């Protein structure tokens, strides 16, 4: 194993989940300029996170769709439009084939 690979500056840090305001005190090397007073009266660096195990659907057992930008709706709309174009192309191709077959039959008579 490589020596001097792991950081040596582990310290206690408070992580705050912005979804439900849950606080965690744990060791980390992450840098932060903000601080917060913890339950034990000491002041620790504060790191805010958008999602943690307290709010993530995998850990909470709640499924919720987080689609702020409407990506799922746009994908479904593109899928529907492609299916309609495909159906229109196939029906047009069938009509063309029928006409050509009928023209050949009439010419051979």
Protein backbone atom coordinates (compact mmCIF):
# COMPACT_ATOMS: atom_id res chain seq x y z
CA UNK A 1 0.00 0.00 0.00
CA UNK A 2 1.07 3.57 -0.63
CA UNK A 3 2.26 5.50 2.39
CA UNK A 4 0.93 8.97 3.12
CA UNK A 5 -2.16 8.24 0.97
CA UNK A 6 -4.89 8.95 3.51
CA UNK A 7 -5.41 12.42 5.01
CA UNK A 8 -4.41 13.02 8.60
CA UNK A 9 -6.69 16.01 9.35
CA UNK A 10 -9.86 14.19 10.45
CA UNK A 11 -11.97 16.25 12.84
CA UNK A 12 -15.56 16.35 14.06
CA UNK A 13 -17.89 18.06 11.56
CA UNK A 14 -21.67 18.65 11.60
CA UNK A 15 -23.56 17.83 8.39
CA UNK A 16 -26.98 19.44 7.87
CA UNK A 17 -29.52 17.92 5.46
CA UNK A 18 -31.32 20.80 3.72
CA UNK A 19 -34.41 18.71 2.91
CA UNK A 20 -35.47 18.03 6.49
CA UNK A 21 -32.96 19.94 8.68
CA UNK A 22 -31.48 16.79 10.23
CA UNK A 23 -28.01 17.27 11.76
CA UNK A 24 -25.23 14.63 11.94
CA UNK A 25 -22.00 14.88 13.90
CA UNK A 26 -19.24 12.74 12.41
CA UNK A 27 -15.55 12.80 11.55
CA UNK A 28 -14.54 14.23 8.20
CA UNK A 29 -11.79 16.09 6.37
CA UNK A 30 -14.14 18.35 4.40
CA UNK A 31 -13.40 22.09 4.63
CA UNK A 32 -16.07 24.55 5.77
CA UNK A 33 -16.16 28.23 6.70
CA UNK A 34 -19.49 27.96 8.58
CA UNK A 35 -19.75 26.77 12.17
CA UNK A 36 -22.58 25.65 14.44
CA UNK A 37 -22.97 25.10 18.18
CA UNK A 38 -23.72 21.42 18.83
CA UNK A 39 -25.79 19.87 21.65
CA UNK A 40 -22.68 19.35 23.80
CA UNK A 41 -21.96 23.10 23.81
CA UNK A 42 -18.94 22.89 21.49
CA UNK A 43 -18.70 24.68 18.14
CA UNK A 44 -18.02 22.56 15.04
CA UNK A 45 -17.65 23.25 11.30
CA UNK A 46 -20.99 23.03 9.45
CA UNK A 47 -21.41 21.43 6.01
CA UNK A 48 -24.81 21.60 4.28
CA UNK A 49 -25.88 18.80 1.94
CA UNK A 50 -28.93 18.56 -0.31
CA UNK A 51 -29.67 14.91 0.42
CA UNK A 52 -28.52 12.43 3.03
CA UNK A 53 -29.59 9.08 4.43
CA UNK A 54 -32.28 10.91 6.42
CA UNK A 55 -34.03 12.15 3.27
CA UNK A 56 -32.94 9.78 0.48
CA UNK A 57 -35.84 7.57 -0.73
CA UNK A 58 -33.66 4.44 -0.68
CA UNK A 59 -33.02 4.78 3.05
CA UNK A 60 -36.41 6.19 4.07
CA UNK A 61 -38.50 3.72 2.06
CA UNK A 62 -40.51 6.53 0.49
CA UNK A 63 -40.49 6.81 -3.25
CA UNK A 64 -40.84 10.32 -4.50
CA UNK A 65 -40.12 11.62 -7.94
CA UNK A 66 -37.71 14.53 -7.94
CA UNK A 67 -37.93 15.87 -11.47
CA UNK A 68 -37.53 19.61 -11.24
CA UNK A 69 -36.59 20.12 -14.87
CA UNK A 70 -39.34 17.96 -16.43
CA UNK A 71 -36.90 15.50 -17.99
CA UNK A 72 -39.23 12.53 -17.61
CA UNK A 73 -42.13 14.37 -19.26
CA UNK A 74 -39.94 15.50 -22.17
CA UNK A 75 -38.64 11.95 -22.63
CA UNK A 76 -42.17 10.52 -22.70
CA UNK A 77 -43.27 13.20 -25.18
CA UNK A 78 -40.34 12.35 -27.48
CA UNK A 79 -41.19 8.65 -27.21
CA UNK A 80 -44.84 9.28 -28.13
CA UNK A 81 -43.88 11.51 -31.07
CA UNK A 82 -41.45 8.88 -32.38
CA UNK A 83 -44.12 6.17 -32.14
CA UNK A 84 -46.59 8.36 -34.08
CA UNK A 85 -43.99 9.08 -36.78
CA UNK A 86 -43.23 5.38 -37.05
CA UNK A 87 -46.91 4.47 -37.40
CA UNK A 88 -47.42 7.19 -40.02
CA UNK A 89 -44.41 6.00 -42.01
CA UNK A 90 -45.55 2.37 -41.88
CA UNK A 91 -49.11 3.19 -42.97
CA UNK A 92 -47.76 5.36 -45.80
CA UNK A 93 -45.43 2.56 -46.92
CA UNK A 94 -48.32 0.06 -46.97
CA UNK A 95 -50.38 2.37 -49.17
CA UNK A 96 -47.51 2.81 -51.61
CA UNK A 97 -46.92 -0.92 -51.86
CA UNK A 98 -50.59 -1.62 -52.54
CA UNK A 99 -50.69 0.95 -55.36
CA UNK A 100 -47.58 -0.40 -57.03
CA UNK A 101 -48.88 -3.95 -56.86
CA UNK A 102 -52.21 -2.87 -58.36
CA UNK A 103 -50.43 -0.93 -61.16
CA UNK A 104 -48.33 -3.98 -62.06
CA UNK A 105 -51.39 -6.20 -62.18
CA UNK A 106 -53.23 -3.70 -64.46
CA UNK A 107 -50.21 -3.34 -66.82
CA UNK A 108 -49.89 -7.10 -67.24
CA UNK A 109 -53.51 -7.42 -68.48
